[in-house]
Amino acid sequence: MPFTEIRTETSDGICTITLDRPAKLNAFTTTMMAELIAAFDATDADDAVRVVIVTGAGRAFCAGADLSSGGDTFDYHGLGDLKEHRDGGGLVALRIFE
């Protein structure tokens, strides 16, 4: 998958993923989300990758969500029931020790 909003570079077992929207202070978009998931899937499948570093191009790591498309850009209510976790994980149990 060719990336448009991130860059990846792998060397000596280290994969560096760079958020690459410096003009927008690397504000997070749905495209960036899909590209990050694809990049993480690729690094997970590559046994030569031992470390993943995430950084940002330019003067900011990430300014947060890019809401220039409107306030409902990341509104997941329209996607239906999201009970299934993407990674197959379940609920986290928290035990408080007194």
Protein backbone atom coordinates (compact mmCIF):
# COMPACT_ATOMS: atom_id res chain seq x y z
CA MET A 1 0.00 0.00 0.00
CA PRO A 2 1.53 3.35 -0.98
CA PHE A 3 1.27 5.80 1.91
CA THR A 4 0.27 9.43 1.46
CA GLU A 5 0.21 10.73 5.05
CA ILE A 6 2.95 8.68 6.71
CA ARG A 7 6.45 7.52 5.80
CA THR A 8 8.15 4.33 6.91
CA GLU A 9 11.82 3.41 6.99
CA THR A 10 13.29 0.17 8.30
CA SER A 11 16.95 -0.33 9.11
CA ASP A 12 18.76 -2.71 11.48
CA GLY A 13 15.51 -4.08 12.91
CA ILE A 14 14.10 -0.61 13.66
CA CYS A 15 11.08 0.69 11.79
CA THR A 16 10.51 4.43 12.01
CA ILE A 17 7.00 5.57 11.15
CA THR A 18 6.78 9.31 10.52
CA LEU A 19 3.48 11.19 10.50
CA ASP A 20 3.97 13.24 7.33
CA ARG A 21 1.60 16.22 7.26
CA PRO A 22 3.94 18.93 8.58
CA ALA A 23 1.95 21.80 7.04
CA LYS A 24 -1.03 20.68 9.17
CA LEU A 25 1.14 19.87 12.23
CA ASN A 26 0.52 16.19 11.46
CA ALA A 27 -3.15 16.46 12.45
CA PHE A 28 -4.68 12.98 12.55
CA THR A 29 -7.06 11.96 9.73
CA THR A 30 -8.97 8.81 8.87
CA THR A 31 -6.48 8.25 6.03
CA MET A 32 -3.60 8.47 8.50
CA MET A 33 -5.42 6.02 10.76
CA ALA A 34 -5.76 3.46 7.95
CA GLU A 35 -2.13 3.94 6.92
CA LEU A 36 -0.89 3.52 10.50
CA ILE A 37 -2.90 0.31 10.89
CA ALA A 38 -1.41 -1.01 7.63
CA ALA A 39 2.10 -0.02 8.71
CA PHE A 40 1.69 -1.67 12.12
CA ASP A 41 0.32 -4.82 10.46
CA ALA A 42 3.34 -4.90 8.13
CA THR A 43 5.84 -4.46 10.95
CA ASP A 44 4.04 -7.08 13.03
CA ALA A 45 4.33 -9.57 10.16
CA ASP A 46 8.05 -8.83 9.66
CA ASP A 47 10.11 -10.86 12.14
CA ALA A 48 13.17 -8.72 11.32
CA VAL A 49 11.51 -5.66 12.87
CA ARG A 50 12.25 -5.57 16.59
CA VAL A 51 11.32 -1.95 17.40
CA VAL A 52 8.81 0.56 16.02
CA ILE A 53 9.32 4.29 16.59
CA VAL A 54 6.52 6.74 15.77
CA THR A 55 7.51 10.35 15.19
CA GLY A 56 6.22 13.44 13.40
CA ALA A 57 7.66 15.46 10.53
CA GLY A 58 8.25 19.16 11.09
CA ARG A 59 7.76 21.05 14.32
CA ALA A 60 4.96 18.97 15.88
CA PHE A 61 4.40 15.31 16.64
CA CYS A 62 0.62 15.51 16.17
CA ALA A 63 -1.79 18.39 16.70
CA GLY A 64 -4.67 16.01 17.41
CA ALA A 65 -7.67 15.19 15.25
CA ASP A 66 -8.04 17.07 11.96
CA LEU A 67 -11.62 18.33 12.14
CA SER A 68 -11.43 20.43 8.97
CA SER A 69 -13.98 18.06 7.36
CA GLY A 70 -16.46 18.72 10.15
CA GLY A 71 -17.10 17.77 13.72
CA ASP A 72 -18.38 14.30 12.87
CA THR A 73 -15.18 13.25 11.06
CA PHE A 74 -14.44 10.59 13.66
CA ASP A 75 -18.05 9.82 14.58
CA TYR A 76 -18.14 6.03 14.75
CA HIS A 77 -21.82 5.81 15.70
CA GLY A 78 -22.73 5.37 12.03
CA LEU A 79 -20.57 2.25 11.77
CA GLY A 80 -22.98 0.14 13.78
CA ASP A 81 -22.19 -2.03 16.78
CA LEU A 82 -18.44 -2.06 17.52
CA LYS A 83 -18.43 -4.84 20.13
CA GLU A 84 -15.79 -6.85 18.28
CA HIS A 85 -12.21 -5.74 18.88
CA ARG A 86 -9.98 -5.54 15.81
CA ASP A 87 -7.20 -7.52 17.51
CA GLY A 88 -9.56 -10.13 18.95
CA GLY A 89 -8.91 -8.82 22.45
CA GLY A 90 -11.45 -8.66 25.17
CA LEU A 91 -12.25 -6.44 28.07
CA VAL A 92 -9.49 -5.47 30.45
CA ALA A 93 -10.11 -6.47 34.04
CA LEU A 94 -8.78 -4.12 36.69
CA ARG A 95 -8.13 -5.44 40.15
CA ILE A 96 -7.59 -2.86 42.86
CA PHE A 97 -5.37 -3.97 45.69
CA GLU A 98 -6.19 -2.49 49.04
